[in-house]
């Protein structure tokens, strides 16, 4: 028999309104301003003398020092300082291996992103120098192996670190968490049709943008046989939450009208890691999917919209849908290239997407995974067919983007133009320079 507490919990659970797909869909239709763009920029935190990963203790001091100067508010997870935030919505935060991320509130102009990002970077770099720390725009820790990187004491990271390696194709997930650094560009959409076209377009070009940004051939103090070890690691962070999702979301009839439902349904079938209640994390360890949680609850808990948002943030497709679109598959670079990516995607996003898709109609959705493997292995040094190579795809995209930017914004494309002219990525330069040690990488990239 149920005891009185269990009966009360069961009664309360039955009174709660069940979360429905239609409730979730409203989130994807909310808060759209088609002209905004956002940047999330990670850099590795390295000891200036050894180029091994810097300690949490040093990063904590740097963040505190930064807040003393800027009057930003410290961010805590329990008693652990994990970052800082401004009143305008921008933030700095620590990733699981103490990589430092700068996340800017969305802006209308690249110039505003440039101004704020460089202001934050200049100050952080000056403070870091006093603590013998260097922040490097590179895709993976060049020296320190994953076993020697202490996990940040953040509750969700501890649960992820335990859960993800157990999953199918999850064996490199701890390396993803502790060793990798990337750049994420956030693009708005105005309605369901616009979201559908942009998701389709950005998924299709995703491998080529990853190849353009290949910047992690050197790892564990040796030169590997891959241009992007960061991208390789993401392939083994859990197939069920890191695959591209495009096979599900672009399938079936009425694909445009069902784009949000298709994406939501893909998310619902992913096993859950945890839920949060009363500021406590309750491990689920993949026992149920979110669909199970929505339909049946878990213990005395019923699914909420906040639960869905947390769960969807723990799914990692290269192009991720929120009430904007996140494009997540770039190795970290210097800030000039990060700003170039902002401008590049802004120009693409402002184009006639249907027309832009027609200009790359030789690319096939069924070949995305093949393109992805080629880009991991060789950057953009591979062929699509006998007449077209991967660099040609970037040239087409460059022209589309440039045509849809104003004069000031076009100037930000210069780092990409230089790569196009030389047909060399950072990975090409590192490999050709016959790099032997991490300090040589820093000399080239810092």
Protein backbone atom coordinates (compact mmCIF):
# COMPACT_ATOMS: atom_id res chain seq x y z
CA UNK A 1 0.00 0.00 0.00
CA UNK A 2 1.10 3.58 -0.67
CA UNK A 3 2.00 5.57 2.40
CA UNK A 4 0.37 8.96 2.96
CA UNK A 5 3.29 10.91 1.46
CA UNK A 6 3.30 8.77 -1.69
CA UNK A 7 -0.48 9.19 -2.05
CA UNK A 8 -0.13 12.95 -1.74
CA UNK A 9 2.67 13.02 -4.32
CA UNK A 10 0.62 10.87 -6.71
CA UNK A 11 -2.39 13.16 -6.28
CA UNK A 12 -0.28 16.27 -6.92
CA UNK A 13 1.28 14.64 -9.98
CA UNK A 14 -2.11 13.82 -11.45
CA UNK A 15 -3.19 17.46 -11.10
CA UNK A 16 -0.20 18.80 -13.05
CA UNK A 17 -0.82 19.57 -16.68
CA UNK A 18 1.21 17.29 -18.93
CA UNK A 19 3.70 18.96 -21.24
CA UNK A 20 2.76 18.49 -24.89
CA UNK A 21 4.64 18.82 -28.15
CA UNK A 22 2.36 21.75 -29.03
CA UNK A 23 3.54 23.53 -25.84
CA UNK A 24 7.18 23.02 -26.81
CA UNK A 25 6.55 24.17 -30.37
CA UNK A 26 5.47 27.59 -29.09
CA UNK A 27 9.01 28.13 -27.78
CA UNK A 28 10.47 27.77 -31.28
CA UNK A 29 8.02 30.35 -32.61
CA UNK A 30 8.92 32.96 -29.97
CA UNK A 31 11.17 36.02 -29.77
CA UNK A 32 12.34 36.40 -33.35
CA UNK A 33 14.25 39.40 -34.64
CA UNK A 34 15.65 38.37 -38.00
CA UNK A 35 18.56 40.81 -37.91
CA UNK A 36 20.39 39.63 -34.76
CA UNK A 37 23.57 37.56 -34.63
CA UNK A 38 25.42 36.12 -31.65
CA UNK A 39 28.91 34.80 -30.90
CA UNK A 40 30.12 32.22 -28.38
CA UNK A 41 33.89 32.06 -28.43
CA UNK A 42 35.94 29.47 -26.55
CA UNK A 43 39.69 29.56 -26.07
CA UNK A 44 42.04 27.13 -24.36
CA UNK A 45 43.45 28.24 -21.00
CA UNK A 46 47.15 27.35 -20.98
CA UNK A 47 50.14 27.85 -18.71
CA UNK A 48 52.35 30.38 -20.48
CA UNK A 49 55.55 28.48 -19.73
CA UNK A 50 54.58 24.84 -20.34
CA UNK A 51 51.44 25.20 -22.53
CA UNK A 52 49.77 22.59 -20.36
CA UNK A 53 46.21 23.33 -19.26
CA UNK A 54 46.03 26.08 -16.65
CA UNK A 55 44.66 25.19 -13.23
CA UNK A 56 41.19 26.10 -12.00
CA UNK A 57 42.77 28.05 -9.13
CA UNK A 58 44.43 30.44 -11.59
CA UNK A 59 41.29 30.80 -13.70
CA UNK A 60 39.25 31.59 -10.59
CA UNK A 61 41.68 34.39 -9.73
CA UNK A 62 41.51 35.76 -13.27
CA UNK A 63 37.69 35.82 -13.21
CA UNK A 64 37.61 37.52 -9.81
CA UNK A 65 40.13 40.09 -10.99
CA UNK A 66 38.07 40.70 -14.13
CA UNK A 67 34.94 41.29 -12.02
CA UNK A 68 36.74 43.73 -9.73
CA UNK A 69 37.56 45.87 -12.75
CA UNK A 70 34.29 45.53 -14.69
CA UNK A 71 31.74 45.18 -11.84
CA UNK A 72 30.36 42.07 -13.52
CA UNK A 73 28.60 39.57 -11.23
CA UNK A 74 30.25 36.27 -10.37
CA UNK A 75 28.38 33.10 -11.40
CA UNK A 76 28.43 30.15 -8.99
CA UNK A 77 27.52 26.49 -9.17
CA UNK A 78 27.06 25.67 -5.50
CA UNK A 79 30.29 27.12 -4.09
CA UNK A 80 32.31 26.91 -7.30
CA UNK A 81 32.93 30.08 -9.32
CA UNK A 82 32.20 29.11 -12.93
CA UNK A 83 32.06 32.51 -14.65
CA UNK A 84 30.76 36.06 -14.61
CA UNK A 85 27.99 38.02 -16.31
CA UNK A 86 27.23 41.62 -17.21
CA UNK A 87 23.94 43.43 -16.86
CA UNK A 88 23.62 43.48 -20.67
CA UNK A 89 23.52 39.67 -20.85
CA UNK A 90 27.08 38.92 -21.97
CA UNK A 91 29.14 36.47 -19.96
CA UNK A 92 32.41 34.64 -19.52
CA UNK A 93 32.29 31.04 -18.31
CA UNK A 94 34.47 28.01 -17.71
CA UNK A 95 34.01 24.83 -19.73
CA UNK A 96 34.69 21.39 -18.19
CA UNK A 97 38.47 21.51 -18.75
CA UNK A 98 38.65 25.21 -17.77
CA UNK A 99 38.50 26.44 -21.36
CA UNK A 100 37.22 30.03 -21.17
CA UNK A 101 34.14 30.97 -23.20
CA UNK A 102 33.02 34.48 -24.04
CA UNK A 103 29.30 34.62 -24.80
CA UNK A 104 27.97 37.90 -26.18
CA UNK A 105 24.39 39.11 -26.11
CA UNK A 106 22.97 39.19 -29.68
CA UNK A 107 23.79 42.22 -31.80
CA UNK A 108 22.50 43.78 -35.02
CA UNK A 109 25.92 44.79 -36.34
CA UNK A 110 29.22 42.92 -36.53
CA UNK A 111 30.90 46.14 -35.44
CA UNK A 112 29.12 45.92 -32.07
CA UNK A 113 30.26 42.31 -31.65
CA UNK A 114 33.80 43.36 -32.59
CA UNK A 115 33.83 46.20 -30.06
CA UNK A 116 32.50 44.18 -27.12
CA UNK A 117 34.47 41.00 -27.85
CA UNK A 118 37.79 42.80 -28.20
CA UNK A 119 37.15 44.89 -25.10
CA UNK A 120 36.59 41.71 -23.05
CA UNK A 121 39.50 39.85 -24.69
CA UNK A 122 41.97 42.69 -24.20
CA UNK A 123 41.20 42.89 -20.50
CA UNK A 124 41.19 39.12 -19.97
CA UNK A 125 44.50 38.72 -21.79
CA UNK A 126 46.15 41.45 -19.72
CA UNK A 127 44.92 39.94 -16.46
CA UNK A 128 45.86 36.42 -17.56
CA UNK A 129 49.40 37.55 -18.38
CA UNK A 130 49.88 38.56 -14.75
CA UNK A 131 49.06 34.97 -13.76
CA UNK A 132 51.26 33.40 -16.47
CA UNK A 133 48.20 32.18 -18.36
CA UNK A 134 47.62 32.48 -22.11
CA UNK A 135 44.23 32.05 -23.83
CA UNK A 136 44.71 30.36 -27.21
CA UNK A 137 42.29 30.14 -30.15
CA UNK A 138 43.05 26.53 -31.05
CA UNK A 139 40.74 23.51 -31.32
CA UNK A 140 42.25 21.09 -28.80
CA UNK A 141 44.71 21.09 -25.90
CA UNK A 142 48.08 20.88 -27.67
CA UNK A 143 49.98 19.20 -24.80
CA UNK A 144 47.83 17.92 -21.97
CA UNK A 145 46.12 14.54 -22.36
CA UNK A 146 42.62 14.11 -20.99
CA UNK A 147 43.76 12.05 -17.98
CA UNK A 148 45.78 15.02 -16.71
CA UNK A 149 43.01 17.61 -17.00
CA UNK A 150 40.97 18.06 -13.83
CA UNK A 151 37.22 18.30 -14.43
CA UNK A 152 35.63 21.58 -13.33
CA UNK A 153 33.58 21.04 -10.18
CA UNK A 154 30.24 21.85 -11.78
CA UNK A 155 27.35 19.53 -11.05
CA UNK A 156 26.13 18.99 -14.60
CA UNK A 157 29.68 18.35 -15.83
CA UNK A 158 30.20 15.66 -13.19
CA UNK A 159 27.04 13.85 -14.33
CA UNK A 160 27.90 14.23 -18.02
CA UNK A 161 31.44 13.01 -17.42
CA UNK A 162 30.08 9.85 -15.84
CA UNK A 163 27.21 9.25 -18.28
CA UNK A 164 28.43 10.08 -21.79
CA UNK A 165 31.31 7.57 -22.07
CA UNK A 166 28.86 4.70 -21.46
CA UNK A 167 26.81 5.49 -24.55
CA UNK A 168 27.14 4.17 -28.10
CA UNK A 169 29.99 6.09 -29.78
CA UNK A 170 30.62 7.95 -26.51
CA UNK A 171 34.17 6.84 -25.84
CA UNK A 172 35.78 10.23 -26.57
CA UNK A 173 33.21 12.36 -24.73
CA UNK A 174 35.55 13.16 -21.85
CA UNK A 175 38.06 14.50 -24.36
CA UNK A 176 35.32 16.67 -25.89
CA UNK A 177 34.55 18.10 -22.47
CA UNK A 178 38.07 18.71 -21.20
CA UNK A 179 40.29 19.23 -24.25
CA UNK A 180 38.30 20.91 -27.03
CA UNK A 181 37.51 24.54 -27.82
CA UNK A 182 35.24 25.86 -30.55
CA UNK A 183 33.31 28.79 -31.96
CA UNK A 184 29.53 28.97 -32.15
CA UNK A 185 27.61 31.43 -34.33
CA UNK A 186 23.95 32.10 -33.50
CA UNK A 187 21.58 33.13 -36.28
CA UNK A 188 17.94 34.19 -35.97
CA UNK A 189 15.04 33.02 -38.09
CA UNK A 190 11.72 34.78 -38.63
CA UNK A 191 9.21 31.95 -39.05
CA UNK A 192 8.78 28.22 -39.70
CA UNK A 193 9.66 28.39 -43.39
CA UNK A 194 12.76 30.47 -42.73
CA UNK A 195 13.85 28.05 -40.00
CA UNK A 196 13.40 25.09 -42.35
CA UNK A 197 15.45 26.62 -45.16
CA UNK A 198 18.24 27.80 -42.86
CA UNK A 199 18.47 24.47 -41.06
CA UNK A 200 18.67 22.70 -44.41
CA UNK A 201 21.26 25.13 -45.77
CA UNK A 202 23.48 25.23 -42.69
CA UNK A 203 23.40 21.44 -42.27
CA UNK A 204 24.44 20.99 -45.89
CA UNK A 205 27.41 23.38 -45.66
CA UNK A 206 28.39 22.35 -42.14
CA UNK A 207 31.24 19.98 -43.12
CA UNK A 208 32.81 22.61 -45.37
CA UNK A 209 32.71 25.30 -42.70
CA UNK A 210 34.28 22.84 -40.30
CA UNK A 211 36.98 22.15 -42.89
CA UNK A 212 37.58 25.88 -43.37
CA UNK A 213 38.13 26.21 -39.62
CA UNK A 214 40.28 23.07 -39.21
CA UNK A 215 42.77 24.07 -36.53
CA UNK A 216 43.66 21.10 -34.35
CA UNK A 217 46.08 18.69 -36.05
CA UNK A 218 48.57 18.84 -33.16
CA UNK A 219 47.49 17.09 -29.94
CA UNK A 220 49.11 15.37 -26.96
CA UNK A 221 52.34 17.04 -28.09
CA UNK A 222 52.45 15.22 -31.42
CA UNK A 223 51.25 15.96 -34.95
CA UNK A 224 48.35 13.63 -35.80
CA UNK A 225 47.03 12.51 -39.18
CA UNK A 226 43.85 14.61 -38.86
CA UNK A 227 43.25 18.28 -39.64
CA UNK A 228 40.58 18.59 -36.93
CA UNK A 229 40.94 16.39 -33.87
CA UNK A 230 38.24 18.46 -32.20
CA UNK A 231 35.73 17.45 -34.87
CA UNK A 232 36.88 13.83 -34.66
CA UNK A 233 36.23 13.79 -30.91
CA UNK A 234 32.68 15.08 -31.40
CA UNK A 235 31.96 12.05 -33.61
CA UNK A 236 32.48 9.89 -30.51
CA UNK A 237 30.55 11.87 -27.90
CA UNK A 238 27.36 9.80 -28.17
CA UNK A 239 25.69 9.02 -31.48
CA UNK A 240 22.17 9.43 -30.10
CA UNK A 241 22.76 13.08 -29.15
CA UNK A 242 25.54 14.17 -31.52
CA UNK A 243 24.45 12.88 -34.90
CA UNK A 244 23.31 15.55 -37.34
CA UNK A 245 19.55 14.90 -36.84
CA UNK A 246 18.93 15.90 -40.45
CA UNK A 247 17.75 12.42 -41.45
CA UNK A 248 14.86 12.78 -39.00
CA UNK A 249 13.98 16.45 -39.25
CA UNK A 250 13.92 16.58 -43.06
CA UNK A 251 11.91 13.39 -43.54
CA UNK A 252 8.23 12.72 -44.25
CA UNK A 253 5.49 14.81 -45.82
CA UNK A 254 4.90 18.52 -45.20
CA UNK A 255 8.48 18.95 -44.06
CA UNK A 256 8.30 22.76 -43.81
CA UNK A 257 5.16 22.79 -41.67
CA UNK A 258 6.51 20.01 -39.46
CA UNK A 259 10.07 21.24 -39.05
CA UNK A 260 9.69 22.12 -35.36
CA UNK A 261 7.69 18.97 -34.59
CA UNK A 262 10.26 16.82 -36.37
CA UNK A 263 13.12 18.42 -34.45
CA UNK A 264 11.26 18.13 -31.14
CA UNK A 265 10.50 14.47 -31.81
CA UNK A 266 14.19 13.80 -32.44
CA UNK A 267 15.06 15.44 -29.11
CA UNK A 268 12.31 13.52 -27.27
CA UNK A 269 13.88 10.19 -28.20
CA UNK A 270 17.25 11.02 -26.62
CA UNK A 271 17.89 9.42 -23.20
CA UNK A 272 17.96 11.88 -20.31
CA UNK A 273 20.98 12.63 -18.11
CA UNK A 274 19.34 14.53 -15.24
CA UNK A 275 16.54 16.84 -14.15
CA UNK A 276 16.80 19.73 -11.72
CA UNK A 277 14.45 20.39 -8.82
CA UNK A 278 14.91 22.85 -5.95
CA UNK A 279 18.45 23.60 -7.16
CA UNK A 280 19.39 19.91 -6.96
CA UNK A 281 20.31 17.68 -9.88
CA UNK A 282 18.57 14.31 -9.96
CA UNK A 283 20.54 11.77 -12.06
CA UNK A 284 18.55 9.75 -14.60
CA UNK A 285 21.54 8.01 -16.22
CA UNK A 286 19.66 7.35 -19.47
CA UNK A 287 16.92 5.28 -17.83
CA UNK A 288 14.21 7.13 -19.74
CA UNK A 289 13.89 9.32 -22.82
CA UNK A 290 12.24 12.72 -22.62
CA UNK A 291 9.24 11.22 -24.39
CA UNK A 292 8.90 8.72 -21.53
CA UNK A 293 9.20 11.57 -19.05
CA UNK A 294 6.51 13.60 -20.82
CA UNK A 295 4.11 10.67 -21.03
CA UNK A 296 4.63 9.00 -17.68
CA UNK A 297 6.58 11.33 -15.40
CA UNK A 298 9.44 10.10 -13.25
CA UNK A 299 8.93 9.23 -9.58
CA UNK A 300 6.87 12.19 -8.38
CA UNK A 301 8.12 14.58 -11.08
CA UNK A 302 6.29 15.75 -14.20
CA UNK A 303 8.06 17.16 -17.25
CA UNK A 304 8.18 20.95 -17.57
CA UNK A 305 9.28 23.31 -20.32
CA UNK A 306 12.43 24.11 -18.33
CA UNK A 307 13.21 20.38 -18.28
CA UNK A 308 12.90 20.26 -22.06
CA UNK A 309 15.20 23.27 -22.52
CA UNK A 310 17.87 21.71 -20.30
CA UNK A 311 17.52 18.34 -22.03
CA UNK A 312 17.72 19.88 -25.52
CA UNK A 313 20.87 21.78 -24.47
CA UNK A 314 22.42 18.38 -23.70
CA UNK A 315 21.89 17.27 -27.32
CA UNK A 316 24.74 18.31 -29.59
CA UNK A 317 24.01 18.28 -33.33
CA UNK A 318 26.39 20.45 -35.35
CA UNK A 319 23.44 22.72 -36.21
CA UNK A 320 21.19 23.03 -33.17
CA UNK A 321 17.72 24.54 -33.08
CA UNK A 322 16.56 26.81 -30.29
CA UNK A 323 14.38 29.86 -30.84
CA UNK A 324 17.36 30.76 -33.00
CA UNK A 325 19.88 28.53 -34.82
CA UNK A 326 23.25 27.58 -33.32
CA UNK A 327 26.06 26.63 -35.72
CA UNK A 328 28.57 24.85 -33.54
CA UNK A 329 31.16 23.01 -35.60
CA UNK A 330 34.20 25.31 -35.85
CA UNK A 331 37.60 24.77 -34.25
CA UNK A 332 38.58 27.77 -32.17
CA UNK A 333 40.49 30.51 -34.03
CA UNK A 334 41.81 33.98 -33.31
CA UNK A 335 39.19 36.68 -32.77
CA UNK A 336 39.61 38.08 -36.30
CA UNK A 337 38.54 34.77 -37.77
CA UNK A 338 35.70 34.48 -35.24
CA UNK A 339 34.42 37.88 -36.39
CA UNK A 340 34.89 36.80 -40.02
CA UNK A 341 32.60 33.84 -39.32
CA UNK A 342 30.00 36.19 -37.82
CA UNK A 343 30.03 38.28 -40.99
CA UNK A 344 30.13 35.21 -43.24
CA UNK A 345 27.03 33.67 -41.66
CA UNK A 346 25.24 37.00 -41.50
CA UNK A 347 25.68 37.41 -45.25
CA UNK A 348 24.53 33.85 -45.92
CA UNK A 349 21.55 34.24 -43.60
CA UNK A 350 20.53 37.47 -45.35
CA UNK A 351 20.58 35.84 -48.78
CA UNK A 352 17.69 34.26 -50.63
CA UNK A 353 18.23 30.83 -49.05
CA UNK A 354 16.33 28.96 -51.78
CA UNK A 355 18.58 30.54 -54.39
CA UNK A 356 21.66 29.87 -52.29
CA UNK A 357 20.68 26.21 -51.99
CA UNK A 358 20.32 26.02 -55.77
CA UNK A 359 23.93 27.24 -56.16
CA UNK A 360 25.19 24.23 -54.20
CA UNK A 361 22.70 21.71 -55.58
CA UNK A 362 25.60 19.37 -56.42
CA UNK A 363 25.90 18.69 -52.66
CA UNK A 364 23.78 15.79 -51.43
CA UNK A 365 22.24 15.29 -48.00
CA UNK A 366 23.05 11.59 -48.10
CA UNK A 367 26.73 12.49 -48.45
CA UNK A 368 26.99 14.87 -45.47
CA UNK A 369 28.64 12.27 -43.25
CA UNK A 370 31.15 11.47 -46.01
CA UNK A 371 31.95 15.19 -46.43
CA UNK A 372 32.35 15.42 -42.66
CA UNK A 373 34.87 12.56 -42.53
CA UNK A 374 36.83 14.07 -45.40
CA UNK A 375 36.97 17.47 -43.69
CA UNK A 376 38.17 15.93 -40.41
CA UNK A 377 40.92 14.12 -42.28
CA UNK A 378 42.06 16.82 -44.73
CA UNK A 379 40.31 20.15 -44.10
CA UNK A 380 39.13 21.33 -47.52
CA UNK A 381 41.60 19.28 -49.55
CA UNK A 382 39.10 16.86 -51.04
CA UNK A 383 36.88 16.61 -54.10
CA UNK A 384 33.08 16.55 -54.32
CA UNK A 385 33.22 15.20 -57.87
CA UNK A 386 35.72 15.28 -60.70
CA UNK A 387 35.06 18.99 -61.37
CA UNK A 388 34.41 20.47 -57.93
CA UNK A 389 36.52 20.44 -54.77
CA UNK A 390 35.67 21.52 -51.21
CA UNK A 391 37.47 24.86 -51.62
CA UNK A 392 35.11 25.62 -54.53
CA UNK A 393 32.15 25.26 -52.15
CA UNK A 394 33.66 27.88 -49.83
CA UNK A 395 34.27 30.18 -52.82
CA UNK A 396 30.60 29.94 -53.80
CA UNK A 397 29.48 30.62 -50.23
CA UNK A 398 31.92 33.52 -49.93
CA UNK A 399 30.43 35.24 -52.97
CA UNK A 400 26.90 34.73 -51.67
CA UNK A 401 27.80 36.15 -48.28
CA UNK A 402 29.74 39.12 -49.63
CA UNK A 403 26.87 40.11 -51.91
CA UNK A 404 24.56 40.41 -48.91
CA UNK A 405 26.76 42.51 -46.61
CA UNK A 406 27.25 46.26 -46.49
CA UNK A 407 30.66 47.80 -47.16
CA UNK A 408 31.77 47.85 -43.52
CA UNK A 409 30.72 44.25 -42.93
CA UNK A 410 32.49 42.99 -46.06
CA UNK A 411 35.80 44.09 -44.52
CA UNK A 412 35.40 41.44 -41.81
CA UNK A 413 35.59 38.69 -44.44
CA UNK A 414 39.30 39.37 -45.09
CA UNK A 415 40.63 36.38 -43.06
CA UNK A 416 38.42 34.02 -45.06
CA UNK A 417 39.43 35.65 -48.34
CA UNK A 418 43.10 35.11 -47.47
CA UNK A 419 42.43 31.41 -46.88
CA UNK A 420 40.56 31.17 -50.16
CA UNK A 421 43.39 32.79 -52.10
CA UNK A 422 46.06 30.57 -50.56
CA UNK A 423 43.79 27.53 -50.23
CA UNK A 424 45.31 26.91 -46.82
CA UNK A 425 43.60 26.52 -43.45
CA UNK A 426 45.39 26.93 -40.12
CA UNK A 427 45.81 23.15 -40.08
CA UNK A 428 47.56 23.30 -43.49
CA UNK A 429 49.96 25.95 -42.17
CA UNK A 430 50.73 23.95 -39.01
CA UNK A 431 51.35 20.74 -40.97
CA UNK A 432 53.51 22.46 -43.58
CA UNK A 433 55.55 24.21 -40.86
CA UNK A 434 56.54 20.78 -39.51
CA UNK A 435 55.56 21.77 -35.97
CA UNK A 436 57.45 19.85 -33.30
CA UNK A 437 56.15 21.39 -30.07
CA UNK A 438 53.27 23.35 -28.59
CA UNK A 439 55.28 26.53 -28.19
CA UNK A 440 55.73 26.64 -31.97
CA UNK A 441 51.93 26.47 -32.38
CA UNK A 442 51.52 29.37 -29.95
CA UNK A 443 54.15 31.36 -31.86
CA UNK A 444 52.13 30.87 -35.07
CA UNK A 445 48.61 31.34 -33.70
CA UNK A 446 48.82 33.66 -30.68
